[in-house]
Amino acid sequence: MPAAPPPPGPPSDATPDPTASSPAEDAFAAALHTVVVRLRRLGEHGAGLDLLPMSEVEVLSWVAAHPGTTVTRTARALGLQHSNVSATVARLVRRELLERRPDPDDARRALLHPTDRARADRARIDAAWARDVRSLLAGLAPDERAALLASAAALDRIAQEWSDARLRDAPPDPDR
């Protein structure tokens, strides 16, 4: 009896070509963009907090996840200009959401840390996001809800890989 022909298309463990496009991937990218744009302020609204400019939210989120980071590393990880991040950090320090601490290894350099207020605000935002997303998920069909919940780890990996690639591909850090 002859062997069964191989299944059509690439093997399931093949790495997809990131330059190739498929309608499903394009639709996913468009839907993800729409979700990000429409829901980006969900937490701040739900927590009753003043809205920060998105540049400040982005920098504050990075520093909260990477306490002790520098302005240079933050700029590289986020793909932003050093001068813009420096100005954003100055505003966040004035708002008492970030603090600069001297680097014990290099007194010329400051290390960035979220303040207690920033951590408390973040906890309120996270709680508001969780509450509001639960409400949005409740309106979906069970299979849609399950598919979205199953995608959480993959979405986290995508976000982490983007930051890792920015840091890996950046020129050497002059602060180090």
Protein backbone atom coordinates (compact mmCIF):
# COMPACT_ATOMS: atom_id res chain seq x y z
CA MET A 1 0.00 0.00 0.00
CA PRO A 2 1.50 3.39 -0.96
CA ALA A 3 2.33 5.92 1.74
CA ALA A 4 -0.19 8.67 2.33
CA PRO A 5 0.77 11.96 0.69
CA PRO A 6 2.02 14.69 3.02
CA PRO A 7 -0.57 17.22 4.14
CA PRO A 8 -0.81 20.35 1.99
CA GLY A 9 1.09 23.44 3.10
CA PRO A 10 4.02 23.82 5.45
CA PRO A 11 4.46 21.52 8.44
CA SER A 12 2.64 22.69 11.55
CA ASP A 13 5.93 23.44 13.32
CA ALA A 14 7.24 25.63 10.48
CA THR A 15 7.88 29.26 11.33
CA PRO A 16 5.61 31.52 9.28
CA ASP A 17 7.20 34.09 7.01
CA PRO A 18 6.68 37.44 8.80
CA THR A 19 6.72 39.28 5.46
CA ALA A 20 3.95 37.14 3.97
CA SER A 21 0.39 38.30 4.42
CA SER A 22 -2.79 36.35 4.86
CA PRO A 23 -6.33 37.71 5.04
CA ALA A 24 -6.78 36.19 8.51
CA GLU A 25 -3.59 37.83 9.83
CA ASP A 26 -4.50 41.17 8.26
CA ALA A 27 -7.98 40.99 9.81
CA PHE A 28 -6.46 40.10 13.20
CA ALA A 29 -4.04 43.04 12.99
CA ALA A 30 -6.87 45.42 12.11
CA ALA A 31 -9.07 44.10 14.92
CA LEU A 32 -6.23 44.31 17.45
CA HIS A 33 -5.51 47.90 16.40
CA THR A 34 -9.18 48.81 16.81
CA VAL A 35 -9.30 47.24 20.28
CA VAL A 36 -6.16 49.09 21.38
CA VAL A 37 -7.39 52.46 20.10
CA ARG A 38 -10.91 52.13 21.50
CA LEU A 39 -10.05 50.61 24.87
CA ARG A 40 -6.75 52.36 25.64
CA ARG A 41 -8.36 54.67 28.21
CA LEU A 42 -10.67 52.07 29.75
CA GLY A 43 -8.68 51.71 32.99
CA GLU A 44 -8.17 55.39 33.71
CA HIS A 45 -11.86 56.15 33.12
CA GLY A 46 -12.96 53.17 35.20
CA ALA A 47 -10.65 54.11 38.07
CA GLY A 48 -11.76 57.75 38.04
CA LEU A 49 -8.21 59.01 37.47
CA ASP A 50 -7.05 62.03 35.50
CA LEU A 51 -6.04 61.02 32.00
CA LEU A 52 -2.32 61.15 31.31
CA PRO A 53 -0.97 61.68 27.81
CA MET A 54 -0.33 58.30 26.19
CA SER A 55 3.42 58.97 26.12
CA GLU A 56 3.35 59.25 29.92
CA VAL A 57 1.23 56.10 30.26
CA GLU A 58 3.68 54.19 28.06
CA VAL A 59 6.79 55.35 29.96
CA LEU A 60 5.15 54.84 33.35
CA SER A 61 4.05 51.32 32.40
CA TRP A 62 7.56 50.40 31.22
CA VAL A 63 9.20 51.75 34.38
CA ALA A 64 6.64 50.01 36.60
CA ALA A 65 7.49 46.72 34.88
CA HIS A 66 11.26 47.47 34.95
CA PRO A 67 12.02 49.45 38.13
CA GLY A 68 15.58 50.72 38.22
CA THR A 69 15.70 51.25 34.46
CA THR A 70 17.29 54.31 32.85
CA VAL A 71 15.92 56.93 30.46
CA THR A 72 18.11 55.50 27.69
CA ARG A 73 16.93 51.93 28.18
CA THR A 74 13.30 53.09 28.39
CA ALA A 75 13.63 55.06 25.15
CA ARG A 76 15.18 52.09 23.36
CA ALA A 77 12.64 49.59 24.64
CA LEU A 78 9.73 51.79 23.60
CA GLY A 79 11.25 52.95 20.32
CA LEU A 80 11.11 56.61 21.36
CA GLN A 81 13.58 59.48 21.16
CA HIS A 82 15.77 59.88 24.24
CA SER A 83 14.91 63.59 24.52
CA ASN A 84 11.17 62.84 24.44
CA VAL A 85 11.46 60.19 27.14
CA SER A 86 13.59 62.52 29.25
CA ALA A 87 10.91 65.24 29.03
CA THR A 88 8.18 62.69 29.78
CA VAL A 89 10.08 61.43 32.83
CA ALA A 90 10.45 65.02 34.07
CA ARG A 91 6.65 65.47 33.84
CA LEU A 92 6.03 62.18 35.64
CA VAL A 93 8.45 63.21 38.40
CA ARG A 94 6.55 66.51 38.78
CA ARG A 95 3.28 64.55 38.98
CA GLU A 96 4.89 62.44 41.73
CA LEU A 97 4.43 59.24 39.72
CA LEU A 98 8.12 58.52 39.10
CA GLU A 99 11.22 59.17 41.12
CA ARG A 100 14.83 59.36 40.07
CA ARG A 101 17.32 57.65 42.35
CA PRO A 102 21.09 57.86 42.02
CA ASP A 103 22.69 54.78 40.52
CA PRO A 104 24.92 53.27 43.23
CA ASP A 105 27.38 52.19 40.50
CA ASP A 106 27.48 55.51 38.63
CA ALA A 107 26.53 58.75 40.39
CA ARG A 108 26.08 60.50 37.03
CA ARG A 109 23.15 58.28 36.13
CA ALA A 110 19.65 58.19 37.61
CA LEU A 111 17.56 55.06 37.96
CA LEU A 112 13.81 55.37 37.51
CA HIS A 113 11.28 53.93 39.95
CA PRO A 114 7.50 54.22 40.25
CA THR A 115 6.26 55.99 43.37
CA ASP A 116 3.81 54.52 45.86
CA ARG A 117 1.15 56.74 44.29
CA ALA A 118 1.92 55.31 40.84
CA ARG A 119 1.67 51.76 42.17
CA ALA A 120 -1.66 52.54 43.88
CA ASP A 121 -3.02 54.19 40.71
CA ARG A 122 -1.86 51.19 38.67
CA ALA A 123 -3.69 48.82 41.02
CA ARG A 124 -6.89 50.87 40.58
CA ILE A 125 -6.44 50.90 36.80
CA ASP A 126 -5.80 47.14 36.70
CA ALA A 127 -8.94 46.51 38.79
CA ALA A 128 -11.01 48.76 36.51
CA TRP A 129 -9.63 47.02 33.41
CA ALA A 130 -10.40 43.58 34.84
CA ARG A 131 -13.95 44.59 35.77
CA ASP A 132 -14.68 46.25 32.42
CA VAL A 133 -13.09 43.51 30.32
CA ARG A 134 -15.07 40.87 32.25
CA SER A 135 -18.20 42.81 31.33
CA LEU A 136 -17.19 42.96 27.65
CA LEU A 137 -16.30 39.25 27.59
CA ALA A 138 -19.66 38.37 29.14
CA GLY A 139 -21.34 39.67 25.98
CA LEU A 140 -19.50 37.22 23.74
CA ALA A 141 -20.46 33.73 22.69
CA PRO A 142 -18.76 31.08 24.87
CA ASP A 143 -16.42 29.96 22.05
CA GLU A 144 -15.37 33.57 21.32
CA ARG A 145 -14.74 34.20 25.01
CA ALA A 146 -12.66 31.00 25.31
CA ALA A 147 -10.61 31.90 22.23
CA LEU A 148 -9.81 35.37 23.58
CA LEU A 149 -8.92 34.05 27.04
CA ALA A 150 -6.64 31.44 25.45
CA SER A 151 -4.79 34.18 23.53
CA ALA A 152 -3.58 36.07 26.63
CA ALA A 153 -0.20 34.34 26.89
CA ALA A 154 0.49 34.74 23.16
CA LEU A 155 -0.37 38.45 23.29
CA ASP A 156 1.99 38.89 26.25
CA ARG A 157 4.75 37.13 24.27
CA ILE A 158 4.16 39.42 21.27
CA ALA A 159 4.48 42.53 23.45
CA GLN A 160 7.60 41.18 25.17
CA GLU A 161 9.24 40.17 21.89
CA TRP A 162 8.66 43.65 20.47
CA SER A 163 10.42 45.27 23.45
CA ASP A 164 13.18 42.66 23.44
CA ALA A 165 13.81 43.24 19.72
CA ARG A 166 14.00 47.02 20.25
CA LEU A 167 16.62 46.52 22.97
CA ARG A 168 18.54 43.83 21.05
CA ASP A 169 18.72 45.86 17.84
CA ALA A 170 19.61 49.19 19.48
CA PRO A 171 23.17 50.50 19.43
CA PRO A 172 25.18 50.02 22.65
CA ASP A 173 23.89 51.96 25.65
CA PRO A 174 26.22 54.93 26.28
CA ASP A 175 25.04 54.95 29.91
CA ARG A 176 26.55 51.53 30.58
